[in-house]
């Protein structure tokens, strides 16, 4: 059964399908739809999950072995199969057809794939998946579809905007939904759930200094202390709101924690990076930070970030920009007087 991305939420409120196939080259939509399916499955009692990555060294026998084995702790499981190339190849085609012809009980197969070529839509493996479950293809959003997506995304955060404001946002993110989600999150951090003016949207998404917030994150990951002082001072001088800087730093710490947890559970680094939207240009930076920072370091960063949040909101005395600097230096593994006081 074919579904459009916007139809998935309603479909999940009904009976779960035994097979879901999601493909496309828009990582945010793919990731969020997969999350929604996994959440619905867990709610239905699918407590066990096994992740398989069909890369160059993958044996398709693993799929059938996984389908035939259940955990001693649960009666239902999710097989989370990733197809990085968008196609299973000859061996994989046979395995998927066999799987669909003999669907195992109490097992949900979730397949996420890169963009599937139009020629594959007539293939036997694709038809088998279509017949056995739900197939969802994700296409880049343009025009009114993009405007509608932005409006819905803002509404989920309690934000409202005029048509012109939404068009400003659409023109700045150039179809990159991950960037759009980040800009909307920044709007929420700055203004809360309100009716946004066109000027408020323009000030946040059209200000070139917004790129410096992410430059700061790259500096702290790379432990470039001199650059950290320069970029953070520049952000403060340009009037960039402290909550936006705090949001970017705390978000990065949480991402690093999630990746560390995934690696500790045996997930390979490439998959952990993909699941957390760490693309090629940033992988070395993140790897360096993961090697440098331990679990206690990252938890301390979040603790110090909470202090900055209280200072920003006037609930604790002190200069939040000084605390933000301490957070940055903690990322860079530089111990400051403030950190020493914090930890006694």
C-alpha atoms as a PDB file:
ATOM      1  CA  UNK A   1       0.000   0.000   0.000  1.00  0.00           C
ATOM      2  CA  UNK A   2       1.364   3.384  -0.978  1.00  0.00           C
ATOM      3  CA  UNK A   3       1.166   6.225   1.547  1.00  0.00           C
ATOM      4  CA  UNK A   4       2.078   9.879   1.316  1.00  0.00           C
ATOM      5  CA  UNK A   5       4.307  11.171   4.149  1.00  0.00           C
ATOM      6  CA  UNK A   6       1.457  13.261   5.569  1.00  0.00           C
ATOM      7  CA  UNK A   7      -0.785  10.170   5.740  1.00  0.00           C
ATOM      8  CA  UNK A   8       1.534   8.170   8.001  1.00  0.00           C
ATOM      9  CA  UNK A   9       0.415   9.596  11.353  1.00  0.00           C
ATOM     10  CA  UNK A  10      -3.235   8.710  10.732  1.00  0.00           C
ATOM     11  CA  UNK A  11      -2.307   5.245   9.432  1.00  0.00           C
ATOM     12  CA  UNK A  12      -0.266   4.497  12.563  1.00  0.00           C
ATOM     13  CA  UNK A  13      -3.299   5.185  14.748  1.00  0.00           C
ATOM     14  CA  UNK A  14      -4.973   2.228  13.093  1.00  0.00           C
ATOM     15  CA  UNK A  15      -3.489  -1.267  12.796  1.00  0.00           C
ATOM     16  CA  UNK A  16       0.270  -1.556  12.316  1.00  0.00           C
ATOM     17  CA  UNK A  17       1.458  -3.023   9.031  1.00  0.00           C
ATOM     18  CA  UNK A  18       3.974  -5.894   9.169  1.00  0.00           C
ATOM     19  CA  UNK A  19       6.322  -4.072   6.769  1.00  0.00           C
ATOM     20  CA  UNK A  20       7.199  -0.400   6.244  1.00  0.00           C
ATOM     21  CA  UNK A  21       9.478   0.796   3.453  1.00  0.00           C
ATOM     22  CA  UNK A  22      10.553   4.463   3.521  1.00  0.00           C
ATOM     23  CA  UNK A  23      12.861   5.873   0.876  1.00  0.00           C
ATOM     24  CA  UNK A  24      14.125   9.291  -0.165  1.00  0.00           C
ATOM     25  CA  UNK A  25      16.998  11.735   0.093  1.00  0.00           C
ATOM     26  CA  UNK A  26      15.515  14.104   2.689  1.00  0.00           C
ATOM     27  CA  UNK A  27      17.084  12.935   5.981  1.00  0.00           C
ATOM     28  CA  UNK A  28      14.869  14.880   8.381  1.00  0.00           C
ATOM     29  CA  UNK A  29      11.618  13.466   6.991  1.00  0.00           C
ATOM     30  CA  UNK A  30      13.061   9.959   6.766  1.00  0.00           C
ATOM     31  CA  UNK A  31      14.328  10.067  10.326  1.00  0.00           C
ATOM     32  CA  UNK A  32      11.134  11.476  11.811  1.00  0.00           C
ATOM     33  CA  UNK A  33       8.886   9.012   9.997  1.00  0.00           C
ATOM     34  CA  UNK A  34      11.054   6.103  11.138  1.00  0.00           C
ATOM     35  CA  UNK A  35      10.896   7.474  14.697  1.00  0.00           C
ATOM     36  CA  UNK A  36       7.090   7.652  14.477  1.00  0.00           C
ATOM     37  CA  UNK A  37       6.841   4.041  13.293  1.00  0.00           C
ATOM     38  CA  UNK A  38       9.179   2.819  16.025  1.00  0.00           C
ATOM     39  CA  UNK A  39       7.226   4.758  18.663  1.00  0.00           C
ATOM     40  CA  UNK A  40       3.913   3.289  17.482  1.00  0.00           C
ATOM     41  CA  UNK A  41       5.430  -0.187  17.476  1.00  0.00           C
ATOM     42  CA  UNK A  42       6.780   0.201  21.013  1.00  0.00           C
ATOM     43  CA  UNK A  43       3.343   1.363  22.153  1.00  0.00           C
ATOM     44  CA  UNK A  44       1.927  -1.828  20.633  1.00  0.00           C
ATOM     45  CA  UNK A  45       4.361  -3.990  22.588  1.00  0.00           C
ATOM     46  CA  UNK A  46       7.272  -4.347  20.148  1.00  0.00           C
ATOM     47  CA  UNK A  47       9.912  -3.904  22.831  1.00  0.00           C
ATOM     48  CA  UNK A  48      12.836  -5.660  21.126  1.00  0.00           C
ATOM     49  CA  UNK A  49      14.685  -4.048  18.224  1.00  0.00           C
ATOM     50  CA  UNK A  50      17.504  -5.257  16.008  1.00  0.00           C
ATOM     51  CA  UNK A  51      19.308  -2.938  13.585  1.00  0.00           C
ATOM     52  CA  UNK A  52      20.711  -4.339  10.322  1.00  0.00           C
ATOM     53  CA  UNK A  53      22.725  -2.278   7.829  1.00  0.00           C
ATOM     54  CA  UNK A  54      22.849  -3.671   4.291  1.00  0.00           C
ATOM     55  CA  UNK A  55      26.278  -2.297   3.406  1.00  0.00           C
ATOM     56  CA  UNK A  56      28.985  -3.958   1.306  1.00  0.00           C
ATOM     57  CA  UNK A  57      29.799  -6.576   3.938  1.00  0.00           C
ATOM     58  CA  UNK A  58      26.218  -7.458   4.823  1.00  0.00           C
ATOM     59  CA  UNK A  59      24.899 -11.032   4.492  1.00  0.00           C
ATOM     60  CA  UNK A  60      21.188 -11.211   3.740  1.00  0.00           C
ATOM     61  CA  UNK A  61      21.002 -14.415   5.746  1.00  0.00           C
ATOM     62  CA  UNK A  62      21.041 -12.095   8.769  1.00  0.00           C
ATOM     63  CA  UNK A  63      17.556 -10.886   7.856  1.00  0.00           C
ATOM     64  CA  UNK A  64      16.043 -14.355   7.915  1.00  0.00           C
ATOM     65  CA  UNK A  65      17.989 -15.285  11.051  1.00  0.00           C
ATOM     66  CA  UNK A  66      16.688 -12.175  12.778  1.00  0.00           C
ATOM     67  CA  UNK A  67      13.138 -12.924  11.633  1.00  0.00           C
ATOM     68  CA  UNK A  68      13.358 -16.419  13.023  1.00  0.00           C
ATOM     69  CA  UNK A  69      14.663 -15.494  16.460  1.00  0.00           C
ATOM     70  CA  UNK A  70      12.803 -13.774  19.282  1.00  0.00           C
ATOM     71  CA  UNK A  71      14.243 -12.413  22.484  1.00  0.00           C
ATOM     72  CA  UNK A  72      13.597 -14.410  25.640  1.00  0.00           C
ATOM     73  CA  UNK A  73      12.419 -11.154  27.214  1.00  0.00           C
ATOM     74  CA  UNK A  74       9.765 -10.164  24.651  1.00  0.00           C
ATOM     75  CA  UNK A  75       7.296 -11.695  22.222  1.00  0.00           C
ATOM     76  CA  UNK A  76       7.432  -8.892  19.639  1.00  0.00           C
ATOM     77  CA  UNK A  77      10.377  -7.323  17.816  1.00  0.00           C
ATOM     78  CA  UNK A  78      11.279  -4.665  15.276  1.00  0.00           C
ATOM     79  CA  UNK A  79      13.802  -5.419  12.546  1.00  0.00           C
ATOM     80  CA  UNK A  80      15.279  -2.037  11.629  1.00  0.00           C
ATOM     81  CA  UNK A  81      16.872  -2.554   8.209  1.00  0.00           C
ATOM     82  CA  UNK A  82      18.891   0.224   6.534  1.00  0.00           C
ATOM     83  CA  UNK A  83      19.511   0.304   2.761  1.00  0.00           C
ATOM     84  CA  UNK A  84      22.156   3.016   2.207  1.00  0.00           C
ATOM     85  CA  UNK A  85      22.145   2.549  -1.588  1.00  0.00           C
ATOM     86  CA  UNK A  86      18.356   2.525  -1.977  1.00  0.00           C
ATOM     87  CA  UNK A  87      18.340  -0.920  -3.593  1.00  0.00           C
ATOM     88  CA  UNK A  88      18.932  -4.400  -2.103  1.00  0.00           C
ATOM     89  CA  UNK A  89      20.784  -5.953  -5.047  1.00  0.00           C
ATOM     90  CA  UNK A  90      20.188  -9.473  -6.380  1.00  0.00           C
ATOM     91  CA  UNK A  91      20.687 -11.372  -3.126  1.00  0.00           C
ATOM     92  CA  UNK A  92      18.716  -8.816  -1.148  1.00  0.00           C
ATOM     93  CA  UNK A  93      15.861  -8.854  -3.648  1.00  0.00           C
ATOM     94  CA  UNK A  94      15.426 -12.595  -3.156  1.00  0.00           C
ATOM     95  CA  UNK A  95      15.618 -12.226   0.631  1.00  0.00           C
ATOM     96  CA  UNK A  96      12.976  -9.493   0.739  1.00  0.00           C
ATOM     97  CA  UNK A  97      10.626 -11.444  -1.556  1.00  0.00           C
ATOM     98  CA  UNK A  98      11.039 -14.554   0.604  1.00  0.00           C
ATOM     99  CA  UNK A  99      10.421 -12.524   3.745  1.00  0.00           C
ATOM    100  CA  UNK A 100       7.207 -11.004   2.374  1.00  0.00           C
ATOM    101  CA  UNK A 101       5.928 -14.388   1.216  1.00  0.00           C
ATOM    102  CA  UNK A 102       6.416 -15.849   4.710  1.00  0.00           C
ATOM    103  CA  UNK A 103       5.839 -12.963   7.070  1.00  0.00           C
ATOM    104  CA  UNK A 104       6.967 -13.934  10.582  1.00  0.00           C
ATOM    105  CA  UNK A 105       4.496 -13.440  13.412  1.00  0.00           C
ATOM    106  CA  UNK A 106       4.987 -10.672  15.975  1.00  0.00           C
ATOM    107  CA  UNK A 107       7.701  -9.039  13.867  1.00  0.00           C
ATOM    108  CA  UNK A 108       7.648  -5.597  12.259  1.00  0.00           C
ATOM    109  CA  UNK A 109      10.133  -4.920   9.459  1.00  0.00           C
ATOM    110  CA  UNK A 110      11.063  -1.246   9.053  1.00  0.00           C
ATOM    111  CA  UNK A 111      13.238  -0.489   6.012  1.00  0.00           C
ATOM    112  CA  UNK A 112      14.723   2.962   5.501  1.00  0.00           C
ATOM    113  CA  UNK A 113      16.502   3.546   2.226  1.00  0.00           C
ATOM    114  CA  UNK A 114      18.144   6.213   0.150  1.00  0.00           C
ATOM    115  CA  UNK A 115      16.231   7.482  -2.873  1.00  0.00           C
ATOM    116  CA  UNK A 116      14.862   4.553  -4.871  1.00  0.00           C
ATOM    117  CA  UNK A 117      15.286   4.790  -8.637  1.00  0.00           C
ATOM    118  CA  UNK A 118      12.095   4.841 -10.687  1.00  0.00           C
ATOM    119  CA  UNK A 119      13.141   1.605 -12.420  1.00  0.00           C
ATOM    120  CA  UNK A 120      13.002  -0.192  -9.057  1.00  0.00           C
ATOM    121  CA  UNK A 121       9.316   0.617  -8.615  1.00  0.00           C
ATOM    122  CA  UNK A 122       8.471  -2.191 -11.068  1.00  0.00           C
ATOM    123  CA  UNK A 123      10.852  -4.691  -9.523  1.00  0.00           C
ATOM    124  CA  UNK A 124       9.586  -7.837  -7.801  1.00  0.00           C
ATOM    125  CA  UNK A 125      11.121  -6.910  -4.445  1.00  0.00           C
ATOM    126  CA  UNK A 126       9.468  -3.489  -4.442  1.00  0.00           C
ATOM    127  CA  UNK A 127       6.111  -4.949  -5.450  1.00  0.00           C
ATOM    128  CA  UNK A 128       6.436  -7.545  -2.672  1.00  0.00           C
ATOM    129  CA  UNK A 129       6.995  -4.831  -0.066  1.00  0.00           C
ATOM    130  CA  UNK A 130       4.116  -2.794  -1.480  1.00  0.00           C
ATOM    131  CA  UNK A 131       1.781  -5.774  -1.230  1.00  0.00           C
ATOM    132  CA  UNK A 132       2.900  -6.844   2.256  1.00  0.00           C
ATOM    133  CA  UNK A 133       2.865  -3.463   3.965  1.00  0.00           C
ATOM    134  CA  UNK A 134       3.237   0.296   3.484  1.00  0.00           C
ATOM    135  CA  UNK A 135       5.556   2.053   1.051  1.00  0.00           C
ATOM    136  CA  UNK A 136       6.337   5.748   1.536  1.00  0.00           C
ATOM    137  CA  UNK A 137       8.498   7.755  -0.840  1.00  0.00           C
ATOM    138  CA  UNK A 138       9.868  11.099   0.310  1.00  0.00           C
ATOM    139  CA  UNK A 139      10.381  13.836  -2.242  1.00  0.00           C
ATOM    140  CA  UNK A 140      12.018  17.261  -1.766  1.00  0.00           C
ATOM    141  CA  UNK A 141       9.394  19.839  -0.813  1.00  0.00           C
ATOM    142  CA  UNK A 142       8.898  22.852  -3.045  1.00  0.00           C
ATOM    143  CA  UNK A 143       6.420  25.686  -3.513  1.00  0.00           C
ATOM    144  CA  UNK A 144       3.184  25.379  -1.559  1.00  0.00           C
ATOM    145  CA  UNK A 145       4.146  21.956  -0.213  1.00  0.00           C
ATOM    146  CA  UNK A 146       7.175  23.508   1.498  1.00  0.00           C
ATOM    147  CA  UNK A 147       5.105  26.452   2.779  1.00  0.00           C
ATOM    148  CA  UNK A 148       2.525  24.041   4.222  1.00  0.00           C
ATOM    149  CA  UNK A 149       5.253  21.948   5.886  1.00  0.00           C
ATOM    150  CA  UNK A 150       6.788  25.064   7.477  1.00  0.00           C
ATOM    151  CA  UNK A 151       3.403  26.215   8.764  1.00  0.00           C
ATOM    152  CA  UNK A 152       2.679  22.819  10.298  1.00  0.00           C
ATOM    153  CA  UNK A 153       6.150  22.669  11.838  1.00  0.00           C
ATOM    154  CA  UNK A 154       5.716  26.078  13.441  1.00  0.00           C
ATOM    155  CA  UNK A 155       2.243  25.201  14.701  1.00  0.00           C
ATOM    156  CA  UNK A 156       3.699  22.186  16.515  1.00  0.00           C
ATOM    157  CA  UNK A 157       5.770  24.690  18.504  1.00  0.00           C
ATOM    158  CA  UNK A 158       2.817  27.031  19.040  1.00  0.00           C
ATOM    159  CA  UNK A 159       4.169  29.538  16.523  1.00  0.00           C
ATOM    160  CA  UNK A 160       2.035  31.405  14.010  1.00  0.00           C
ATOM    161  CA  UNK A 161       3.304  33.499  11.102  1.00  0.00           C
ATOM    162  CA  UNK A 162       1.921  35.632   8.311  1.00  0.00           C
ATOM    163  CA  UNK A 163       2.211  34.367   4.736  1.00  0.00           C
ATOM    164  CA  UNK A 164       5.052  36.793   4.013  1.00  0.00           C
ATOM    165  CA  UNK A 165       7.008  35.638   7.070  1.00  0.00           C
ATOM    166  CA  UNK A 166       6.682  32.028   6.028  1.00  0.00           C
ATOM    167  CA  UNK A 167       7.900  32.910   2.536  1.00  0.00           C
ATOM    168  CA  UNK A 168      10.947  34.643   4.058  1.00  0.00           C
ATOM    169  CA  UNK A 169      11.751  31.467   5.959  1.00  0.00           C
ATOM    170  CA  UNK A 170      11.234  29.294   2.862  1.00  0.00           C
ATOM    171  CA  UNK A 171      13.544  31.455   0.753  1.00  0.00           C
ATOM    172  CA  UNK A 172      16.339  31.342   3.323  1.00  0.00           C
ATOM    173  CA  UNK A 173      16.439  27.588   3.972  1.00  0.00           C
ATOM    174  CA  UNK A 174      16.346  26.717   0.236  1.00  0.00           C
ATOM    175  CA  UNK A 175      14.482  23.444   0.707  1.00  0.00           C
ATOM    176  CA  UNK A 176      16.780  22.115   3.448  1.00  0.00           C
ATOM    177  CA  UNK A 177      14.278  20.812   6.012  1.00  0.00           C
ATOM    178  CA  UNK A 178      16.920  20.143   8.642  1.00  0.00           C
ATOM    179  CA  UNK A 179      17.989  23.793   8.438  1.00  0.00           C
ATOM    180  CA  UNK A 180      14.327  24.820   8.536  1.00  0.00           C
ATOM    181  CA  UNK A 181      13.716  22.783  11.687  1.00  0.00           C
ATOM    182  CA  UNK A 182      16.735  24.428  13.340  1.00  0.00           C
ATOM    183  CA  UNK A 183      15.553  27.928  12.393  1.00  0.00           C
ATOM    184  CA  UNK A 184      12.061  27.213  13.756  1.00  0.00           C
ATOM    185  CA  UNK A 185      13.583  25.892  16.968  1.00  0.00           C
ATOM    186  CA  UNK A 186      15.602  29.106  17.277  1.00  0.00           C
ATOM    187  CA  UNK A 187      12.443  31.173  16.783  1.00  0.00           C
ATOM    188  CA  UNK A 188      10.767  29.201  19.551  1.00  0.00           C
ATOM    189  CA  UNK A 189      13.757  29.585  21.893  1.00  0.00           C
ATOM    190  CA  UNK A 190      13.811  33.343  21.315  1.00  0.00           C
ATOM    191  CA  UNK A 191      10.121  34.215  21.328  1.00  0.00           C
ATOM    192  CA  UNK A 192       8.177  31.280  22.741  1.00  0.00           C
ATOM    193  CA  UNK A 193       4.739  30.271  21.379  1.00  0.00           C
ATOM    194  CA  UNK A 194       3.493  33.531  19.834  1.00  0.00           C
ATOM    195  CA  UNK A 195       2.237  35.127  16.628  1.00  0.00           C
ATOM    196  CA  UNK A 196       5.505  36.017  14.884  1.00  0.00           C
ATOM    197  CA  UNK A 197       5.900  39.258  13.005  1.00  0.00           C
ATOM    198  CA  UNK A 198       7.624  39.314   9.633  1.00  0.00           C
ATOM    199  CA  UNK A 199      10.416  41.375  11.198  1.00  0.00           C
ATOM    200  CA  UNK A 200      11.034  38.814  13.933  1.00  0.00           C
ATOM    201  CA  UNK A 201      11.421  36.060  11.347  1.00  0.00           C
ATOM    202  CA  UNK A 202      13.640  38.223   9.171  1.00  0.00           C
ATOM    203  CA  UNK A 203      15.874  39.186  12.120  1.00  0.00           C
ATOM    204  CA  UNK A 204      16.530  35.538  12.990  1.00  0.00           C
ATOM    205  CA  UNK A 205      16.732  33.727   9.668  1.00  0.00           C
ATOM    206  CA  UNK A 206      18.103  36.525   7.462  1.00  0.00           C
ATOM    207  CA  UNK A 207      20.854  37.673   9.837  1.00  0.00           C
ATOM    208  CA  UNK A 208      24.154  36.381   8.484  1.00  0.00           C
ATOM    209  CA  UNK A 209      25.481  36.091  12.040  1.00  0.00           C
ATOM    210  CA  UNK A 210      23.296  32.997  12.487  1.00  0.00           C
ATOM    211  CA  UNK A 211      26.066  31.080  10.747  1.00  0.00           C
ATOM    212  CA  UNK A 212      28.487  32.127  13.468  1.00  0.00           C
ATOM    213  CA  UNK A 213      26.482  30.192  16.069  1.00  0.00           C
ATOM    214  CA  UNK A 214      27.304  27.026  14.179  1.00  0.00           C
ATOM    215  CA  UNK A 215      30.881  28.229  13.641  1.00  0.00           C
ATOM    216  CA  UNK A 216      31.092  28.456  17.427  1.00  0.00           C
ATOM    217  CA  UNK A 217      29.907  24.859  17.764  1.00  0.00           C
ATOM    218  CA  UNK A 218      32.566  23.724  15.288  1.00  0.00           C
ATOM    219  CA  UNK A 219      35.206  25.668  17.243  1.00  0.00           C
ATOM    220  CA  UNK A 220      34.302  23.998  20.541  1.00  0.00           C
ATOM    221  CA  UNK A 221      34.301  20.568  18.911  1.00  0.00           C
ATOM    222  CA  UNK A 222      37.752  21.280  17.466  1.00  0.00           C
ATOM    223  CA  UNK A 223      38.961  22.699  20.833  1.00  0.00           C
ATOM    224  CA  UNK A 224      40.244  25.897  19.152  1.00  0.00           C
ATOM    225  CA  UNK A 225      40.432  28.013  22.286  1.00  0.00           C
ATOM    226  CA  UNK A 226      41.567  31.257  20.661  1.00  0.00           C
ATOM    227  CA  UNK A 227      38.863  31.000  18.036  1.00  0.00           C
ATOM    228  CA  UNK A 228      36.244  30.282  20.719  1.00  0.00           C
ATOM    229  CA  UNK A 229      36.989  33.603  22.459  1.00  0.00           C
ATOM    230  CA  UNK A 230      36.824  35.502  19.163  1.00  0.00           C
ATOM    231  CA  UNK A 231      33.591  33.955  17.846  1.00  0.00           C
ATOM    232  CA  UNK A 232      31.736  34.099  21.172  1.00  0.00           C
ATOM    233  CA  UNK A 233      32.741  37.744  21.702  1.00  0.00           C
ATOM    234  CA  UNK A 234      31.599  38.511  18.166  1.00  0.00           C
ATOM    235  CA  UNK A 235      28.214  36.910  18.771  1.00  0.00           C
ATOM    236  CA  UNK A 236      27.719  38.956  21.927  1.00  0.00           C
ATOM    237  CA  UNK A 237      28.844  42.183  20.223  1.00  0.00           C
ATOM    238  CA  UNK A 238      26.491  41.603  17.279  1.00  0.00           C
ATOM    239  CA  UNK A 239      23.551  41.238  19.641  1.00  0.00           C
ATOM    240  CA  UNK A 240      22.893  37.547  19.009  1.00  0.00           C
ATOM    241  CA  UNK A 241      20.563  36.361  21.769  1.00  0.00           C
ATOM    242  CA  UNK A 242      22.182  34.285  24.509  1.00  0.00           C
ATOM    243  CA  UNK A 243      19.353  31.661  24.394  1.00  0.00           C
ATOM    244  CA  UNK A 244      20.261  30.873  20.766  1.00  0.00           C
ATOM    245  CA  UNK A 245      23.921  30.306  21.663  1.00  0.00           C
ATOM    246  CA  UNK A 246      22.908  28.174  24.645  1.00  0.00           C
ATOM    247  CA  UNK A 247      20.494  26.144  22.511  1.00  0.00           C
ATOM    248  CA  UNK A 248      23.219  25.345  19.962  1.00  0.00           C
ATOM    249  CA  UNK A 249      25.759  24.291  22.612  1.00  0.00           C
ATOM    250  CA  UNK A 250      23.338  22.198  24.687  1.00  0.00           C
ATOM    251  CA  UNK A 251      21.981  20.542  21.552  1.00  0.00           C
ATOM    252  CA  UNK A 252      25.497  19.513  20.521  1.00  0.00           C
ATOM    253  CA  UNK A 253      26.192  18.048  23.962  1.00  0.00           C
ATOM    254  CA  UNK A 254      22.996  15.973  23.812  1.00  0.00           C
ATOM    255  CA  UNK A 255      23.888  14.720  20.332  1.00  0.00           C
ATOM    256  CA  UNK A 256      27.321  13.618  21.559  1.00  0.00           C
ATOM    257  CA  UNK A 257      25.703  11.803  24.487  1.00  0.00           C
ATOM    258  CA  UNK A 258      23.298  10.003  22.135  1.00  0.00           C
ATOM    259  CA  UNK A 259      26.157   8.927  19.869  1.00  0.00           C
ATOM    260  CA  UNK A 260      28.218   7.693  22.830  1.00  0.00           C
ATOM    261  CA  UNK A 261      25.254   5.643  24.063  1.00  0.00           C
ATOM    262  CA  UNK A 262      24.737   4.149  20.602  1.00  0.00           C
ATOM    263  CA  UNK A 263      28.416   3.209  20.320  1.00  0.00           C
ATOM    264  CA  UNK A 264      28.351   1.666  23.815  1.00  0.00           C
ATOM    265  CA  UNK A 265      25.447  -0.512  22.698  1.00  0.00           C
ATOM    266  CA  UNK A 266      27.501  -1.862  19.802  1.00  0.00           C
ATOM    267  CA  UNK A 267      26.259   0.353  16.978  1.00  0.00           C
ATOM    268  CA  UNK A 268      28.907   1.199  14.392  1.00  0.00           C
ATOM    269  CA  UNK A 269      30.032   4.795  14.154  1.00  0.00           C
ATOM    270  CA  UNK A 270      28.825   5.356  10.583  1.00  0.00           C
ATOM    271  CA  UNK A 271      25.276   4.388  11.528  1.00  0.00           C
ATOM    272  CA  UNK A 272      25.358   6.418  14.748  1.00  0.00           C
ATOM    273  CA  UNK A 273      26.485   9.473  12.765  1.00  0.00           C
ATOM    274  CA  UNK A 274      23.781   8.961  10.154  1.00  0.00           C
ATOM    275  CA  UNK A 275      21.044   8.580  12.772  1.00  0.00           C
ATOM    276  CA  UNK A 276      22.129  11.847  14.375  1.00  0.00           C
ATOM    277  CA  UNK A 277      22.523  13.783  11.097  1.00  0.00           C
ATOM    278  CA  UNK A 278      26.319  14.106  11.301  1.00  0.00           C
ATOM    279  CA  UNK A 279      27.316  14.456   7.664  1.00  0.00           C
ATOM    280  CA  UNK A 280      30.712  14.078   6.018  1.00  0.00           C
ATOM    281  CA  UNK A 281      32.083  17.565   6.638  1.00  0.00           C
ATOM    282  CA  UNK A 282      31.539  17.361  10.425  1.00  0.00           C
ATOM    283  CA  UNK A 283      32.357  13.727  11.118  1.00  0.00           C
ATOM    284  CA  UNK A 284      36.020  14.315  11.979  1.00  0.00           C
ATOM    285  CA  UNK A 285      35.125  17.194  14.316  1.00  0.00           C
ATOM    286  CA  UNK A 286      32.574  15.047  16.134  1.00  0.00           C
ATOM    287  CA  UNK A 287      34.965  12.087  16.278  1.00  0.00           C
ATOM    288  CA  UNK A 288      37.636  14.272  17.887  1.00  0.00           C
ATOM    289  CA  UNK A 289      35.158  15.538  20.476  1.00  0.00           C
ATOM    290  CA  UNK A 290      33.947  12.015  21.256  1.00  0.00           C
ATOM    291  CA  UNK A 291      37.536  10.888  21.853  1.00  0.00           C
ATOM    292  CA  UNK A 292      38.279  13.891  24.036  1.00  0.00           C
ATOM    293  CA  UNK A 293      35.104  14.097  26.155  1.00  0.00           C
ATOM    294  CA  UNK A 294      33.905  11.435  28.546  1.00  0.00           C
ATOM    295  CA  UNK A 295      30.363  10.867  29.809  1.00  0.00           C
ATOM    296  CA  UNK A 296      31.045  12.900  32.949  1.00  0.00           C
ATOM    297  CA  UNK A 297      32.380  15.797  30.840  1.00  0.00           C
ATOM    298  CA  UNK A 298      29.225  15.926  28.737  1.00  0.00           C
ATOM    299  CA  UNK A 299      26.973  15.715  31.767  1.00  0.00           C
ATOM    300  CA  UNK A 300      28.955  18.561  33.365  1.00  0.00           C
ATOM    301  CA  UNK A 301      28.452  20.611  30.203  1.00  0.00           C
ATOM    302  CA  UNK A 302      24.680  20.155  30.490  1.00  0.00           C
ATOM    303  CA  UNK A 303      24.800  21.061  34.187  1.00  0.00           C
ATOM    304  CA  UNK A 304      26.677  24.267  33.405  1.00  0.00           C
ATOM    305  CA  UNK A 305      24.270  24.944  30.519  1.00  0.00           C
ATOM    306  CA  UNK A 306      21.379  24.737  32.984  1.00  0.00           C
ATOM    307  CA  UNK A 307      23.113  27.402  35.092  1.00  0.00           C
ATOM    308  CA  UNK A 308      23.400  29.656  32.019  1.00  0.00           C
ATOM    309  CA  UNK A 309      19.704  29.105  31.340  1.00  0.00           C
ATOM    310  CA  UNK A 310      18.789  30.206  34.875  1.00  0.00           C
ATOM    311  CA  UNK A 311      21.002  33.286  34.533  1.00  0.00           C
ATOM    312  CA  UNK A 312      19.414  34.210  31.200  1.00  0.00           C
ATOM    313  CA  UNK A 313      15.975  33.970  32.807  1.00  0.00           C
ATOM    314  CA  UNK A 314      17.067  36.012  35.833  1.00  0.00           C
ATOM    315  CA  UNK A 315      16.624  33.126  38.244  1.00  0.00           C
ATOM    316  CA  UNK A 316      20.277  33.050  39.284  1.00  0.00           C
ATOM    317  CA  UNK A 317      22.809  35.884  39.639  1.00  0.00           C
ATOM    318  CA  UNK A 318      25.757  36.111  37.311  1.00  0.00           C
ATOM    319  CA  UNK A 319      26.619  36.914  33.703  1.00  0.00           C
ATOM    320  CA  UNK A 320      25.239  34.222  31.355  1.00  0.00           C
ATOM    321  CA  UNK A 321      27.864  35.072  28.717  1.00  0.00           C
ATOM    322  CA  UNK A 322      30.626  34.210  31.186  1.00  0.00           C
ATOM    323  CA  UNK A 323      28.911  30.895  31.855  1.00  0.00           C
ATOM    324  CA  UNK A 324      28.513  30.278  28.114  1.00  0.00           C
ATOM    325  CA  UNK A 325      32.258  30.844  27.753  1.00  0.00           C
ATOM    326  CA  UNK A 326      32.854  28.306  30.528  1.00  0.00           C
ATOM    327  CA  UNK A 327      30.619  25.833  28.659  1.00  0.00           C
ATOM    328  CA  UNK A 328      32.636  26.375  25.471  1.00  0.00           C
ATOM    329  CA  UNK A 329      35.927  25.866  27.268  1.00  0.00           C
ATOM    330  CA  UNK A 330      34.608  22.729  28.944  1.00  0.00           C
ATOM    331  CA  UNK A 331      33.878  21.385  25.451  1.00  0.00           C
ATOM    332  CA  UNK A 332      37.507  22.160  24.639  1.00  0.00           C
ATOM    333  CA  UNK A 333      38.645  20.399  27.836  1.00  0.00           C
ATOM    334  CA  UNK A 334      39.965  23.638  29.343  1.00  0.00           C
ATOM    335  CA  UNK A 335      39.212  23.854  33.084  1.00  0.00           C
ATOM    336  CA  UNK A 336      38.207  27.320  34.287  1.00  0.00           C
ATOM    337  CA  UNK A 337      37.890  28.827  37.747  1.00  0.00           C
ATOM    338  CA  UNK A 338      34.100  28.800  37.377  1.00  0.00           C
ATOM    339  CA  UNK A 339      34.072  25.094  36.591  1.00  0.00           C
ATOM    340  CA  UNK A 340      36.331  24.391  39.577  1.00  0.00           C
ATOM    341  CA  UNK A 341      33.911  26.260  41.834  1.00  0.00           C
ATOM    342  CA  UNK A 342      30.925  24.421  40.304  1.00  0.00           C
ATOM    343  CA  UNK A 343      32.423  21.026  41.067  1.00  0.00           C
ATOM    344  CA  UNK A 344      33.808  21.980  44.435  1.00  0.00           C
END
